[in-house]
Structure formats: structure tokens, C-alpha cells
Amino acid sequence: MKVLAFEDSFDVQSLLVSGGVDITKIEFKQLWNTENWLEEISRFDPDTLLLDHFIPPTKGLEVLQLLNVEVANNGFKRPATIIGMSSSSMANQRMLKFGAEHGILKMKLPELEIWPRTGEHPNVTPL
């Protein structure tokens, strides 16, 4: 699984690891701004794209909208899964409206079923 995250306020990989995601099964890249977003998506060719709604200079919602145009008009390859992530549920709903497969509160990102899991949850003792 290849994951490209556009997120400017926290370390997404650390969040995933702390939530029990097996990051060793993910080729992961985080960018802290959306400069050259189309080139970055094209170069990395992710399976999963994570978009922060409020990231500068081009907000995640605008990236999603412009990506949709590139796919429709220029045959650009769309990542199989796009996840809108924000601390605002209304922002996440807007991402869904424009084609994201998931819209989720940032801190709940590790809870999505798409992630490979580590063998045990760190807070659970086996019987």
C-alpha cells in the first residue's frame, strides 16, 4: 500500500502507529504543504491519498476538486482511495460530496478498516 498524505499540523505516520496500524506494510510519504500537489501525486502514484481540508497553499478540498478535473479532462490516474481528514465534521462532509471515499476526524484516522494492523492492540492483554 502506498500512501501520500498532505497534512500540515501533525505527523500522520506517528498517529497511525499509535493507533495500531502496521506501518511496515505501507510505503508512506507526508508533505507539509500542497505546493506542486499534482506533480507530487503523479510522481509518488499513491493507492491512498490523505487530504487535510485546511492545508495551505491549496486547501485539500480544492486539491480534490482540481484532481477530479484532471481525471475527467486529461486522463490523470486517480488514487483508488481518497480520504478527507479534518477536525471539522462539516469539512469532511464536503470532501465526501466531492468524491472522497472517506471523510474522517483526524484523530480517528487509524480506526479506518483500510489499514494493515499490528498483531496486538497495545492496551489489550491476551487471555
C-alpha atoms as a PDB file:
ATOM      1  CA  MET A   1       0.000   0.000   0.000  1.00  0.00           C
ATOM      2  CA  LYS A   2       1.330   3.414  -0.987  1.00  0.00           C
ATOM      3  CA  VAL A   3       0.000   6.362   0.998  1.00  0.00           C
ATOM      4  CA  LEU A   4       0.577  10.044   0.273  1.00  0.00           C
ATOM      5  CA  ALA A   5      -0.560  12.475   2.976  1.00  0.00           C
ATOM      6  CA  PHE A   6      -0.956  16.224   2.595  1.00  0.00           C
ATOM      7  CA  GLU A   7      -1.100  17.363   6.229  1.00  0.00           C
ATOM      8  CA  ASP A   8       0.497  20.438   7.789  1.00  0.00           C
ATOM      9  CA  SER A   9      -0.210  20.195  11.504  1.00  0.00           C
ATOM     10  CA  PHE A  10       0.719  16.719  12.786  1.00  0.00           C
ATOM     11  CA  ASP A  11       2.777  13.637  11.977  1.00  0.00           C
ATOM     12  CA  VAL A  12       0.306  11.268  10.289  1.00  0.00           C
ATOM     13  CA  GLN A  13       2.643   8.285  10.424  1.00  0.00           C
ATOM     14  CA  SER A  14       3.005   8.613  14.224  1.00  0.00           C
ATOM     15  CA  LEU A  15      -0.768   8.866  14.562  1.00  0.00           C
ATOM     16  CA  LEU A  16      -1.246   5.676  12.548  1.00  0.00           C
ATOM     17  CA  VAL A  17       1.402   3.785  14.546  1.00  0.00           C
ATOM     18  CA  SER A  18      -0.115   4.891  17.860  1.00  0.00           C
ATOM     19  CA  GLY A  19      -3.473   3.591  16.617  1.00  0.00           C
ATOM     20  CA  GLY A  20      -2.168   0.083  15.941  1.00  0.00           C
ATOM     21  CA  VAL A  21      -1.518   0.391  12.198  1.00  0.00           C
ATOM     22  CA  ASP A  22       1.342  -1.774  10.888  1.00  0.00           C
ATOM     23  CA  ILE A  23       3.297   0.944   9.118  1.00  0.00           C
ATOM     24  CA  THR A  24       5.900  -1.591   7.912  1.00  0.00           C
ATOM     25  CA  LYS A  25       3.357  -2.671   5.284  1.00  0.00           C
ATOM     26  CA  ILE A  26       2.876   0.874   3.986  1.00  0.00           C
ATOM     27  CA  GLU A  27       5.108   2.962   1.745  1.00  0.00           C
ATOM     28  CA  PHE A  28       4.332   6.310   3.332  1.00  0.00           C
ATOM     29  CA  LYS A  29       5.102   9.898   2.363  1.00  0.00           C
ATOM     30  CA  GLN A  30       3.883  13.063   4.060  1.00  0.00           C
ATOM     31  CA  LEU A  31       4.049  16.534   2.561  1.00  0.00           C
ATOM     32  CA  TRP A  32       3.519  19.528   4.820  1.00  0.00           C
ATOM     33  CA  ASN A  33       2.012  21.779   2.123  1.00  0.00           C
ATOM     34  CA  THR A  34       0.235  21.380  -1.208  1.00  0.00           C
ATOM     35  CA  GLU A  35       2.778  23.133  -3.424  1.00  0.00           C
ATOM     36  CA  ASN A  36       3.086  21.150  -6.647  1.00  0.00           C
ATOM     37  CA  TRP A  37       0.360  18.771  -5.485  1.00  0.00           C
ATOM     38  CA  LEU A  38      -0.389  17.374  -8.960  1.00  0.00           C
ATOM     39  CA  GLU A  39       3.277  16.676  -9.671  1.00  0.00           C
ATOM     40  CA  GLU A  40       3.711  15.053  -6.241  1.00  0.00           C
ATOM     41  CA  ILE A  41       0.682  12.787  -6.731  1.00  0.00           C
ATOM     42  CA  SER A  42       1.872  11.858 -10.217  1.00  0.00           C
ATOM     43  CA  ARG A  43       5.420  11.132  -9.074  1.00  0.00           C
ATOM     44  CA  PHE A  44       4.529   9.074  -5.979  1.00  0.00           C
ATOM     45  CA  ASP A  45       1.491   7.347  -7.562  1.00  0.00           C
ATOM     46  CA  PRO A  46      -0.274   6.537  -4.277  1.00  0.00           C
ATOM     47  CA  ASP A  47      -3.024   3.958  -3.760  1.00  0.00           C
ATOM     48  CA  THR A  48      -4.364   6.119  -0.941  1.00  0.00           C
ATOM     49  CA  LEU A  49      -4.371   9.903  -0.779  1.00  0.00           C
ATOM     50  CA  LEU A  50      -4.930  11.720   2.525  1.00  0.00           C
ATOM     51  CA  LEU A  51      -6.053  15.332   2.251  1.00  0.00           C
ATOM     52  CA  ASP A  52      -6.190  17.791   5.126  1.00  0.00           C
ATOM     53  CA  HIS A  53      -9.055  20.150   4.443  1.00  0.00           C
ATOM     54  CA  PHE A  54      -7.323  23.353   5.575  1.00  0.00           C
ATOM     55  CA  ILE A  55      -3.704  22.792   4.416  1.00  0.00           C
ATOM     56  CA  PRO A  56      -2.001  25.689   2.591  1.00  0.00           C
ATOM     57  CA  PRO A  57      -1.490  26.965  -0.007  1.00  0.00           C
ATOM     58  CA  THR A  58      -4.198  24.954  -1.837  1.00  0.00           C
ATOM     59  CA  LYS A  59      -6.798  23.582   0.568  1.00  0.00           C
ATOM     60  CA  GLY A  60      -7.427  19.824   0.450  1.00  0.00           C
ATOM     61  CA  LEU A  61     -10.967  20.294  -0.827  1.00  0.00           C
ATOM     62  CA  GLU A  62      -9.668  22.376  -3.730  1.00  0.00           C
ATOM     63  CA  VAL A  63      -6.990  19.749  -4.449  1.00  0.00           C
ATOM     64  CA  LEU A  64      -9.761  17.135  -4.610  1.00  0.00           C
ATOM     65  CA  GLN A  65     -11.880  19.276  -6.924  1.00  0.00           C
ATOM     66  CA  LEU A  66      -8.945  20.047  -9.227  1.00  0.00           C
ATOM     67  CA  LEU A  67      -7.873  16.383  -9.184  1.00  0.00           C
ATOM     68  CA  ASN A  68     -11.373  15.435 -10.339  1.00  0.00           C
ATOM     69  CA  VAL A  69     -10.988  17.852 -13.267  1.00  0.00           C
ATOM     70  CA  GLU A  70      -7.569  16.398 -14.175  1.00  0.00           C
ATOM     71  CA  VAL A  71      -9.009  12.868 -14.123  1.00  0.00           C
ATOM     72  CA  ALA A  72     -12.020  13.835 -16.266  1.00  0.00           C
ATOM     73  CA  ASN A  73     -10.261  16.071 -18.782  1.00  0.00           C
ATOM     74  CA  ASN A  74      -6.716  14.752 -19.001  1.00  0.00           C
ATOM     75  CA  GLY A  75      -6.923  11.085 -18.046  1.00  0.00           C
ATOM     76  CA  PHE A  76      -4.898  11.634 -14.855  1.00  0.00           C
ATOM     77  CA  LYS A  77      -4.689   8.474 -12.722  1.00  0.00           C
ATOM     78  CA  ARG A  78      -6.815   8.890  -9.605  1.00  0.00           C
ATOM     79  CA  PRO A  79      -5.694   7.194  -6.383  1.00  0.00           C
ATOM     80  CA  ALA A  80      -8.004   4.278  -5.562  1.00  0.00           C
ATOM     81  CA  THR A  81      -8.863   5.731  -2.155  1.00  0.00           C
ATOM     82  CA  ILE A  82      -9.077   9.381  -1.168  1.00  0.00           C
ATOM     83  CA  ILE A  83      -9.563  10.275   2.477  1.00  0.00           C
ATOM     84  CA  GLY A  84     -10.581  13.752   3.573  1.00  0.00           C
ATOM     85  CA  MET A  85      -9.449  14.443   7.120  1.00  0.00           C
ATOM     86  CA  SER A  86     -10.240  17.401   9.266  1.00  0.00           C
ATOM     87  CA  SER A  87     -11.129  18.255  12.829  1.00  0.00           C
ATOM     88  CA  SER A  88     -14.381  19.612  11.379  1.00  0.00           C
ATOM     89  CA  SER A  89     -17.093  17.084  10.516  1.00  0.00           C
ATOM     90  CA  MET A  90     -18.668  19.621   8.125  1.00  0.00           C
ATOM     91  CA  ALA A  91     -15.373  19.858   6.209  1.00  0.00           C
ATOM     92  CA  ASN A  92     -15.274  16.062   5.998  1.00  0.00           C
ATOM     93  CA  GLN A  93     -18.817  16.007   4.621  1.00  0.00           C
ATOM     94  CA  ARG A  94     -17.772  18.415   1.868  1.00  0.00           C
ATOM     95  CA  MET A  95     -14.870  16.109   0.941  1.00  0.00           C
ATOM     96  CA  LEU A  96     -17.338  13.217   0.628  1.00  0.00           C
ATOM     97  CA  LYS A  97     -19.608  15.368  -1.528  1.00  0.00           C
ATOM     98  CA  PHE A  98     -16.751  15.888  -3.994  1.00  0.00           C
ATOM     99  CA  GLY A  99     -15.776  12.234  -4.248  1.00  0.00           C
ATOM    100  CA  ALA A 100     -13.616  11.228  -1.308  1.00  0.00           C
ATOM    101  CA  GLU A 101     -14.228   7.636  -0.245  1.00  0.00           C
ATOM    102  CA  HIS A 102     -13.879   8.587   3.428  1.00  0.00           C
ATOM    103  CA  GLY A 103     -14.234  11.780   5.424  1.00  0.00           C
ATOM    104  CA  ILE A 104     -12.966  11.344   8.962  1.00  0.00           C
ATOM    105  CA  LEU A 105     -11.924  13.314  12.008  1.00  0.00           C
ATOM    106  CA  LYS A 106      -8.127  13.388  12.006  1.00  0.00           C
ATOM    107  CA  MET A 107      -7.642  11.640  15.323  1.00  0.00           C
ATOM    108  CA  LYS A 108      -9.891   8.777  14.193  1.00  0.00           C
ATOM    109  CA  LEU A 109      -7.857   8.100  11.050  1.00  0.00           C
ATOM    110  CA  PRO A 110      -6.250   4.900  12.456  1.00  0.00           C
ATOM    111  CA  GLU A 111      -9.736   3.454  13.031  1.00  0.00           C
ATOM    112  CA  LEU A 112     -10.472   3.071   9.317  1.00  0.00           C
ATOM    113  CA  GLU A 113     -10.639  -0.568   8.238  1.00  0.00           C
ATOM    114  CA  ILE A 114      -8.326   0.000   5.258  1.00  0.00           C
ATOM    115  CA  TRP A 115      -5.111  -0.129   7.319  1.00  0.00           C
ATOM    116  CA  PRO A 116      -2.970  -3.202   7.919  1.00  0.00           C
ATOM    117  CA  ARG A 117      -2.943  -3.927  11.647  1.00  0.00           C
ATOM    118  CA  THR A 118      -0.211  -4.915  14.046  1.00  0.00           C
ATOM    119  CA  GLY A 119      -0.679  -8.284  15.741  1.00  0.00           C
ATOM    120  CA  GLU A 120      -1.922  -6.964  19.056  1.00  0.00           C
ATOM    121  CA  HIS A 121      -3.534  -3.823  20.331  1.00  0.00           C
ATOM    122  CA  PRO A 122      -1.113  -2.203  22.797  1.00  0.00           C
ATOM    123  CA  ASN A 123      -3.793  -1.801  25.507  1.00  0.00           C
ATOM    124  CA  VAL A 124      -5.233  -5.323  25.380  1.00  0.00           C
ATOM    125  CA  THR A 125      -3.817  -8.314  27.253  1.00  0.00           C
ATOM    126  CA  PRO A 126      -4.465 -11.676  25.514  1.00  0.00           C
ATOM    127  CA  LEU A 127      -6.446 -14.252  27.503  1.00  0.00           C
END
